[in-house]
Amino acid sequence: MDEKADIVVIGGGPAGSISALTARNYYPDKKILLIKNAEEGVTPCGIPYMFFSLKNPDENKMGLQMLEKNNIEIVVDEVVKIDRT
């Protein structure tokens, strides 16, 4: 992969998504790339089930809309090596 970015976030779960959005707040002019290994992620904890029931499996998916809205590029791939040069 020859993609160039100013900031690269590896992992598209809740922590990775929040990290990318936080980076966007601090660095509005930088190119931010988020690399995740699955097309769609799911909410990885049981907190939503404590307050209500999710009857449809689609309700348990983490959306990418907020990342896309904030001009964060998303790549679905696996990171196996980092070349920092």
PDB file of N, CA and C in Angstrom:
ATOM      1  N   MET A   1       0.847  -1.169   0.000  1.00  0.00           N
ATOM      2  CA  MET A   1       0.000   0.000   0.000  1.00  0.00           C
ATOM      3  C   MET A   1       0.893   1.232   0.000  1.00  0.00           C
ATOM      4  N   ASP A   2       0.704   2.092  -0.937  1.00  0.00           N
ATOM      5  CA  ASP A   2       1.520   3.292  -1.060  1.00  0.00           C
ATOM      6  C   ASP A   2       0.785   4.545  -0.610  1.00  0.00           C
ATOM      7  N   GLU A   3      -0.218   4.389   0.206  1.00  0.00           N
ATOM      8  CA  GLU A   3      -1.025   5.516   0.675  1.00  0.00           C
ATOM      9  C   GLU A   3      -0.191   6.414   1.585  1.00  0.00           C
ATOM     10  N   LYS A   4      -0.274   7.711   1.376  1.00  0.00           N
ATOM     11  CA  LYS A   4       0.428   8.683   2.225  1.00  0.00           C
ATOM     12  C   LYS A   4      -0.607   9.438   3.047  1.00  0.00           C
ATOM     13  N   ALA A   5      -0.288   9.664   4.304  1.00  0.00           N
ATOM     14  CA  ALA A   5      -1.174  10.415   5.187  1.00  0.00           C
ATOM     15  C   ALA A   5      -0.326  11.094   6.251  1.00  0.00           C
ATOM     16  N   ASP A   6      -0.849  12.171   6.798  1.00  0.00           N
ATOM     17  CA  ASP A   6      -0.169  12.854   7.895  1.00  0.00           C
ATOM     18  C   ASP A   6      -0.363  12.107   9.209  1.00  0.00           C
ATOM     19  N   ILE A   7      -1.562  11.571   9.395  1.00  0.00           N
ATOM     20  CA  ILE A   7      -1.903  10.835  10.615  1.00  0.00           C
ATOM     21  C   ILE A   7      -2.548   9.523  10.196  1.00  0.00           C
ATOM     22  N   VAL A   8      -2.043   8.410  10.743  1.00  0.00           N
ATOM     23  CA  VAL A   8      -2.603   7.091  10.453  1.00  0.00           C
ATOM     24  C   VAL A   8      -3.096   6.490  11.760  1.00  0.00           C
ATOM     25  N   VAL A   9      -4.342   6.051  11.761  1.00  0.00           N
ATOM     26  CA  VAL A   9      -4.924   5.370  12.910  1.00  0.00           C
ATOM     27  C   VAL A   9      -5.154   3.928  12.490  1.00  0.00           C
ATOM     28  N   ILE A  10      -4.593   2.996  13.256  1.00  0.00           N
ATOM     29  CA  ILE A  10      -4.756   1.578  12.954  1.00  0.00           C
ATOM     30  C   ILE A  10      -5.783   1.017  13.919  1.00  0.00           C
ATOM     31  N   GLY A  11      -6.884   0.540  13.372  1.00  0.00           N
ATOM     32  CA  GLY A  11      -7.963  -0.014  14.172  1.00  0.00           C
ATOM     33  C   GLY A  11      -9.211   0.832  14.057  1.00  0.00           C
ATOM     34  N   GLY A  12     -10.307   0.201  13.693  1.00  0.00           N
ATOM     35  CA  GLY A  12     -11.542   0.932  13.467  1.00  0.00           C
ATOM     36  C   GLY A  12     -12.602   0.711  14.519  1.00  0.00           C
ATOM     37  N   GLY A  13     -12.197   0.223  15.689  1.00  0.00           N
ATOM     38  CA  GLY A  13     -13.153   0.066  16.782  1.00  0.00           C
ATOM     39  C   GLY A  13     -13.443   1.412  17.429  1.00  0.00           C
ATOM     40  N   PRO A  14     -14.093   1.398  18.576  1.00  0.00           N
ATOM     41  CA  PRO A  14     -14.432   2.654  19.240  1.00  0.00           C
ATOM     42  C   PRO A  14     -13.211   3.529  19.534  1.00  0.00           C
ATOM     43  N   ALA A  15     -12.123   2.946  20.018  1.00  0.00           N
ATOM     44  CA  ALA A  15     -10.932   3.744  20.348  1.00  0.00           C
ATOM     45  C   ALA A  15     -10.305   4.345  19.097  1.00  0.00           C
ATOM     46  N   GLY A  16     -10.213   3.559  18.029  1.00  0.00           N
ATOM     47  CA  GLY A  16      -9.641   4.072  16.785  1.00  0.00           C
ATOM     48  C   GLY A  16     -10.487   5.175  16.176  1.00  0.00           C
ATOM     49  N   SER A  17     -11.789   4.982  16.186  1.00  0.00           N
ATOM     50  CA  SER A  17     -12.689   5.992  15.623  1.00  0.00           C
ATOM     51  C   SER A  17     -12.606   7.300  16.400  1.00  0.00           C
ATOM     52  N   ILE A  18     -12.621   7.210  17.729  1.00  0.00           N
ATOM     53  CA  ILE A  18     -12.525   8.414  18.553  1.00  0.00           C
ATOM     54  C   ILE A  18     -11.161   9.070  18.380  1.00  0.00           C
ATOM     55  N   SER A  19     -10.113   8.264  18.240  1.00  0.00           N
ATOM     56  CA  SER A  19      -8.771   8.824  18.019  1.00  0.00           C
ATOM     57  C   SER A  19      -8.717   9.610  16.718  1.00  0.00           C
ATOM     58  N   ALA A  20      -9.295   9.060  15.662  1.00  0.00           N
ATOM     59  CA  ALA A  20      -9.300   9.749  14.371  1.00  0.00           C
ATOM     60  C   ALA A  20     -10.109  11.042  14.449  1.00  0.00           C
ATOM     61  N   LEU A  21     -11.256  11.007  15.105  1.00  0.00           N
ATOM     62  CA  LEU A  21     -12.080  12.212  15.238  1.00  0.00           C
ATOM     63  C   LEU A  21     -11.393  13.266  16.108  1.00  0.00           C
ATOM     64  N   THR A  22     -10.708  12.830  17.150  1.00  0.00           N
ATOM     65  CA  THR A  22      -9.968  13.765  17.999  1.00  0.00           C
ATOM     66  C   THR A  22      -8.824  14.397  17.221  1.00  0.00           C
ATOM     67  N   ALA A  23      -8.123  13.585  16.435  1.00  0.00           N
ATOM     68  CA  ALA A  23      -7.042  14.120  15.596  1.00  0.00           C
ATOM     69  C   ALA A  23      -7.586  15.164  14.628  1.00  0.00           C
ATOM     70  N   ARG A  24      -8.766  14.918  14.083  1.00  0.00           N
ATOM     71  CA  ARG A  24      -9.372  15.887  13.163  1.00  0.00           C
ATOM     72  C   ARG A  24      -9.639  17.215  13.878  1.00  0.00           C
ATOM     73  N   ASN A  25     -10.093  17.151  15.128  1.00  0.00           N
ATOM     74  CA  ASN A  25     -10.343  18.383  15.890  1.00  0.00           C
ATOM     75  C   ASN A  25      -9.067  19.177  16.114  1.00  0.00           C
ATOM     76  N   TYR A  26      -7.980  18.493  16.408  1.00  0.00           N
ATOM     77  CA  TYR A  26      -6.712  19.173  16.690  1.00  0.00           C
ATOM     78  C   TYR A  26      -5.953  19.565  15.428  1.00  0.00           C
ATOM     79  N   TYR A  27      -6.125  18.797  14.367  1.00  0.00           N
ATOM     80  CA  TYR A  27      -5.379  19.032  13.125  1.00  0.00           C
ATOM     81  C   TYR A  27      -6.339  19.068  11.934  1.00  0.00           C
ATOM     82  N   PRO A  28      -7.110  20.136  11.783  1.00  0.00           N
ATOM     83  CA  PRO A  28      -8.143  20.191  10.742  1.00  0.00           C
ATOM     84  C   PRO A  28      -7.609  20.141   9.315  1.00  0.00           C
ATOM     85  N   ASP A  29      -6.339  20.482   9.105  1.00  0.00           N
ATOM     86  CA  ASP A  29      -5.799  20.512   7.744  1.00  0.00           C
ATOM     87  C   ASP A  29      -4.979  19.280   7.380  1.00  0.00           C
ATOM     88  N   LYS A  30      -4.830  18.339   8.285  1.00  0.00           N
ATOM     89  CA  LYS A  30      -4.018  17.148   8.027  1.00  0.00           C
ATOM     90  C   LYS A  30      -4.842  16.064   7.336  1.00  0.00           C
ATOM     91  N   LYS A  31      -4.162  15.228   6.554  1.00  0.00           N
ATOM     92  CA  LYS A  31      -4.815  14.072   5.938  1.00  0.00           C
ATOM     93  C   LYS A  31      -4.781  12.934   6.953  1.00  0.00           C
ATOM     94  N   ILE A  32      -5.965  12.447   7.312  1.00  0.00           N
ATOM     95  CA  ILE A  32      -6.086  11.388   8.315  1.00  0.00           C
ATOM     96  C   ILE A  32      -6.595  10.125   7.633  1.00  0.00           C
ATOM     97  N   LEU A  33      -5.917   9.022   7.916  1.00  0.00           N
ATOM     98  CA  LEU A  33      -6.252   7.724   7.340  1.00  0.00           C
ATOM     99  C   LEU A  33      -6.521   6.754   8.475  1.00  0.00           C
ATOM    100  N   LEU A  34      -7.668   6.108   8.453  1.00  0.00           N
ATOM    101  CA  LEU A  34      -8.006   5.082   9.430  1.00  0.00           C
ATOM    102  C   LEU A  34      -8.013   3.744   8.701  1.00  0.00           C
ATOM    103  N   ILE A  35      -7.234   2.792   9.207  1.00  0.00           N
ATOM    104  CA  ILE A  35      -7.158   1.465   8.593  1.00  0.00           C
ATOM    105  C   ILE A  35      -7.817   0.479   9.541  1.00  0.00           C
ATOM    106  N   LYS A  36      -8.793  -0.244   9.029  1.00  0.00           N
ATOM    107  CA  LYS A  36      -9.510  -1.238   9.830  1.00  0.00           C
ATOM    108  C   LYS A  36      -9.561  -2.546   9.072  1.00  0.00           C
ATOM    109  N   ASN A  37      -9.701  -3.655   9.782  1.00  0.00           N
ATOM    110  CA  ASN A  37      -9.627  -4.955   9.125  1.00  0.00           C
ATOM    111  C   ASN A  37     -10.980  -5.567   8.780  1.00  0.00           C
ATOM    112  N   ALA A  38     -12.063  -4.845   9.005  1.00  0.00           N
ATOM    113  CA  ALA A  38     -13.390  -5.365   8.673  1.00  0.00           C
ATOM    114  C   ALA A  38     -14.236  -4.248   8.077  1.00  0.00           C
ATOM    115  N   GLU A  39     -15.051  -4.609   7.110  1.00  0.00           N
ATOM    116  CA  GLU A  39     -15.904  -3.618   6.445  1.00  0.00           C
ATOM    117  C   GLU A  39     -16.855  -2.960   7.440  1.00  0.00           C
ATOM    118  N   GLU A  40     -17.502  -3.789   8.258  1.00  0.00           N
ATOM    119  CA  GLU A  40     -18.435  -3.270   9.260  1.00  0.00           C
ATOM    120  C   GLU A  40     -18.029  -3.800  10.619  1.00  0.00           C
ATOM    121  N   GLY A  41     -18.011  -2.925  11.604  1.00  0.00           N
ATOM    122  CA  GLY A  41     -17.716  -3.338  12.962  1.00  0.00           C
ATOM    123  C   GLY A  41     -18.994  -3.415  13.767  1.00  0.00           C
ATOM    124  N   VAL A  42     -18.914  -4.101  14.886  1.00  0.00           N
ATOM    125  CA  VAL A  42     -20.068  -4.179  15.778  1.00  0.00           C
ATOM    126  C   VAL A  42     -19.708  -3.505  17.089  1.00  0.00           C
ATOM    127  N   THR A  43     -20.724  -3.100  17.825  1.00  0.00           N
ATOM    128  CA  THR A  43     -20.491  -2.531  19.142  1.00  0.00           C
ATOM    129  C   THR A  43     -19.908  -3.634  20.015  1.00  0.00           C
ATOM    130  N   PRO A  44     -18.660  -3.470  20.507  1.00  0.00           N
ATOM    131  CA  PRO A  44     -17.967  -4.586  21.141  1.00  0.00           C
ATOM    132  C   PRO A  44     -18.239  -4.772  22.629  1.00  0.00           C
ATOM    133  N   CYS A  45     -19.283  -4.195  23.154  1.00  0.00           N
ATOM    134  CA  CYS A  45     -19.538  -4.375  24.578  1.00  0.00           C
ATOM    135  C   CYS A  45     -21.029  -4.571  24.809  1.00  0.00           C
ATOM    136  N   GLY A  46     -21.370  -4.937  26.013  1.00  0.00           N
ATOM    137  CA  GLY A  46     -22.759  -5.228  26.323  1.00  0.00           C
ATOM    138  C   GLY A  46     -23.545  -4.061  26.872  1.00  0.00           C
ATOM    139  N   ILE A  47     -22.951  -2.879  26.960  1.00  0.00           N
ATOM    140  CA  ILE A  47     -23.645  -1.733  27.552  1.00  0.00           C
ATOM    141  C   ILE A  47     -24.991  -1.455  26.885  1.00  0.00           C
ATOM    142  N   PRO A  48     -25.095  -1.495  25.532  1.00  0.00           N
ATOM    143  CA  PRO A  48     -26.418  -1.223  24.949  1.00  0.00           C
ATOM    144  C   PRO A  48     -27.494  -2.190  25.419  1.00  0.00           C
ATOM    145  N   TYR A  49     -27.096  -3.407  25.788  1.00  0.00           N
ATOM    146  CA  TYR A  49     -28.080  -4.402  26.195  1.00  0.00           C
ATOM    147  C   TYR A  49     -28.552  -4.186  27.634  1.00  0.00           C
ATOM    148  N   MET A  50     -27.833  -3.383  28.404  1.00  0.00           N
ATOM    149  CA  MET A  50     -28.238  -3.114  29.783  1.00  0.00           C
ATOM    150  C   MET A  50     -29.477  -2.228  29.835  1.00  0.00           C
ATOM    151  N   PHE A  51     -29.645  -1.387  28.828  1.00  0.00           N
ATOM    152  CA  PHE A  51     -30.714  -0.394  28.868  1.00  0.00           C
ATOM    153  C   PHE A  51     -31.874  -0.715  27.936  1.00  0.00           C
ATOM    154  N   PHE A  52     -31.617  -1.472  26.901  1.00  0.00           N
ATOM    155  CA  PHE A  52     -32.671  -1.845  25.966  1.00  0.00           C
ATOM    156  C   PHE A  52     -32.207  -3.046  25.163  1.00  0.00           C
ATOM    157  N   SER A  53     -33.111  -3.612  24.423  1.00  0.00           N
ATOM    158  CA  SER A  53     -32.803  -4.790  23.612  1.00  0.00           C
ATOM    159  C   SER A  53     -32.631  -4.383  22.156  1.00  0.00           C
ATOM    160  N   LEU A  54     -31.603  -4.905  21.524  1.00  0.00           N
ATOM    161  CA  LEU A  54     -31.401  -4.681  20.094  1.00  0.00           C
ATOM    162  C   LEU A  54     -32.015  -5.866  19.357  1.00  0.00           C
ATOM    163  N   LYS A  55     -33.131  -5.637  18.731  1.00  0.00           N
ATOM    164  CA  LYS A  55     -33.847  -6.723  18.072  1.00  0.00           C
ATOM    165  C   LYS A  55     -33.303  -7.025  16.682  1.00  0.00           C
ATOM    166  N   ASN A  56     -32.716  -6.037  16.043  1.00  0.00           N
ATOM    167  CA  ASN A  56     -32.200  -6.190  14.689  1.00  0.00           C
ATOM    168  C   ASN A  56     -30.672  -6.178  14.745  1.00  0.00           C
ATOM    169  N   PRO A  57     -29.981  -7.203  14.206  1.00  0.00           N
ATOM    170  CA  PRO A  57     -28.508  -7.212  14.233  1.00  0.00           C
ATOM    171  C   PRO A  57     -27.890  -5.977  13.586  1.00  0.00           C
ATOM    172  N   ASP A  58     -28.582  -5.364  12.627  1.00  0.00           N
ATOM    173  CA  ASP A  58     -28.045  -4.162  11.983  1.00  0.00           C
ATOM    174  C   ASP A  58     -27.928  -2.993  12.961  1.00  0.00           C
ATOM    175  N   GLU A  59     -28.704  -3.011  14.046  1.00  0.00           N
ATOM    176  CA  GLU A  59     -28.635  -1.949  15.045  1.00  0.00           C
ATOM    177  C   GLU A  59     -27.348  -2.018  15.854  1.00  0.00           C
ATOM    178  N   ASN A  60     -26.641  -3.139  15.772  1.00  0.00           N
ATOM    179  CA  ASN A  60     -25.427  -3.345  16.555  1.00  0.00           C
ATOM    180  C   ASN A  60     -24.169  -2.976  15.773  1.00  0.00           C
ATOM    181  N   LYS A  61     -24.316  -2.415  14.577  1.00  0.00           N
ATOM    182  CA  LYS A  61     -23.166  -2.065  13.747  1.00  0.00           C
ATOM    183  C   LYS A  61     -22.717  -0.639  14.034  1.00  0.00           C
ATOM    184  N   MET A  62     -21.400  -0.460  14.033  1.00  0.00           N
ATOM    185  CA  MET A  62     -20.839   0.882  14.192  1.00  0.00           C
ATOM    186  C   MET A  62     -20.793   1.540  12.829  1.00  0.00           C
ATOM    187  N   GLY A  63     -21.403   2.680  12.707  1.00  0.00           N
ATOM    188  CA  GLY A  63     -21.429   3.381  11.431  1.00  0.00           C
ATOM    189  C   GLY A  63     -20.146   4.147  11.157  1.00  0.00           C
ATOM    190  N   LEU A  64     -19.921   4.441   9.896  1.00  0.00           N
ATOM    191  CA  LEU A  64     -18.740   5.193   9.472  1.00  0.00           C
ATOM    192  C   LEU A  64     -19.098   6.618   9.084  1.00  0.00           C
ATOM    193  N   GLN A  65     -20.364   6.974   9.211  1.00  0.00           N
ATOM    194  CA  GLN A  65     -20.828   8.271   8.740  1.00  0.00           C
ATOM    195  C   GLN A  65     -20.074   9.429   9.382  1.00  0.00           C
ATOM    196  N   MET A  66     -19.833   9.370  10.683  1.00  0.00           N
ATOM    197  CA  MET A  66     -19.169  10.475  11.368  1.00  0.00           C
ATOM    198  C   MET A  66     -17.728  10.627  10.882  1.00  0.00           C
ATOM    199  N   LEU A  67     -17.051   9.515  10.616  1.00  0.00           N
ATOM    200  CA  LEU A  67     -15.683   9.587  10.098  1.00  0.00           C
ATOM    201  C   LEU A  67     -15.678  10.203   8.706  1.00  0.00           C
ATOM    202  N   GLU A  68     -16.571   9.723   7.851  1.00  0.00           N
ATOM    203  CA  GLU A  68     -16.635  10.237   6.480  1.00  0.00           C
ATOM    204  C   GLU A  68     -17.016  11.716   6.471  1.00  0.00           C
ATOM    205  N   LYS A  69     -17.937  12.096   7.340  1.00  0.00           N
ATOM    206  CA  LYS A  69     -18.377  13.495   7.426  1.00  0.00           C
ATOM    207  C   LYS A  69     -17.223  14.414   7.827  1.00  0.00           C
ATOM    208  N   ASN A  70     -16.271  13.887   8.586  1.00  0.00           N
ATOM    209  CA  ASN A  70     -15.127  14.665   9.051  1.00  0.00           C
ATOM    210  C   ASN A  70     -13.897  14.475   8.171  1.00  0.00           C
ATOM    211  N   ASN A  71     -14.116  14.017   6.948  1.00  0.00           N
ATOM    212  CA  ASN A  71     -13.044  13.900   5.957  1.00  0.00           C
ATOM    213  C   ASN A  71     -11.903  13.005   6.433  1.00  0.00           C
ATOM    214  N   ILE A  72     -12.263  11.885   7.049  1.00  0.00           N
ATOM    215  CA  ILE A  72     -11.287  10.883   7.459  1.00  0.00           C
ATOM    216  C   ILE A  72     -11.400   9.733   6.470  1.00  0.00           C
ATOM    217  N   GLU A  73     -10.294   9.449   5.788  1.00  0.00           N
ATOM    218  CA  GLU A  73     -10.297   8.379   4.793  1.00  0.00           C
ATOM    219  C   GLU A  73     -10.252   7.034   5.507  1.00  0.00           C
ATOM    220  N   ILE A  74     -11.059   6.090   5.031  1.00  0.00           N
ATOM    221  CA  ILE A  74     -11.151   4.768   5.634  1.00  0.00           C
ATOM    222  C   ILE A  74     -10.677   3.735   4.623  1.00  0.00           C
ATOM    223  N   VAL A  75      -9.755   2.880   5.067  1.00  0.00           N
ATOM    224  CA  VAL A  75      -9.255   1.793   4.230  1.00  0.00           C
ATOM    225  C   VAL A  75      -9.502   0.493   4.978  1.00  0.00           C
ATOM    226  N   VAL A  76     -10.121  -0.477   4.305  1.00  0.00           N
ATOM    227  CA  VAL A  76     -10.323  -1.794   4.895  1.00  0.00           C
ATOM    228  C   VAL A  76      -9.185  -2.681   4.409  1.00  0.00           C
ATOM    229  N   ASP A  77      -8.286  -3.000   5.330  1.00  0.00           N
ATOM    230  CA  ASP A  77      -7.106  -3.797   5.008  1.00  0.00           C
ATOM    231  C   ASP A  77      -6.473  -4.225   6.325  1.00  0.00           C
ATOM    232  N   GLU A  78      -5.446  -5.042   6.234  1.00  0.00           N
ATOM    233  CA  GLU A  78      -4.719  -5.486   7.411  1.00  0.00           C
ATOM    234  C   GLU A  78      -3.337  -4.858   7.400  1.00  0.00           C
ATOM    235  N   VAL A  79      -2.937  -4.286   8.511  1.00  0.00           N
ATOM    236  CA  VAL A  79      -1.605  -3.695   8.629  1.00  0.00           C
ATOM    237  C   VAL A  79      -0.645  -4.794   9.071  1.00  0.00           C
ATOM    238  N   VAL A  80       0.394  -5.028   8.264  1.00  0.00           N
ATOM    239  CA  VAL A  80       1.384  -6.052   8.600  1.00  0.00           C
ATOM    240  C   VAL A  80       2.782  -5.464   8.773  1.00  0.00           C
ATOM    241  N   LYS A  81       2.987  -4.233   8.304  1.00  0.00           N
ATOM    242  CA  LYS A  81       4.297  -3.603   8.403  1.00  0.00           C
ATOM    243  C   LYS A  81       4.115  -2.092   8.310  1.00  0.00           C
ATOM    244  N   ILE A  82       4.953  -1.371   9.045  1.00  0.00           N
ATOM    245  CA  ILE A  82       4.923   0.086   8.995  1.00  0.00           C
ATOM    246  C   ILE A  82       6.299   0.580   8.562  1.00  0.00           C
ATOM    247  N   ASP A  83       6.334   1.344   7.482  1.00  0.00           N
ATOM    248  CA  ASP A  83       7.566   1.959   6.998  1.00  0.00           C
ATOM    249  C   ASP A  83       7.496   3.435   7.346  1.00  0.00           C
ATOM    250  N   ARG A  84       8.255   3.873   8.330  1.00  0.00           N
ATOM    251  CA  ARG A  84       8.169   5.248   8.829  1.00  0.00           C
ATOM    252  C   ARG A  84       9.042   6.217   8.056  1.00  0.00           C
ATOM    253  N   THR A  85       9.620   5.780   6.943  1.00  0.00           N
ATOM    254  CA  THR A  85      10.481   6.684   6.172  1.00  0.00           C
ATOM    255  C   THR A  85       9.691   7.523   5.211  1.00  0.00           C
TER     256      THR A  85
END
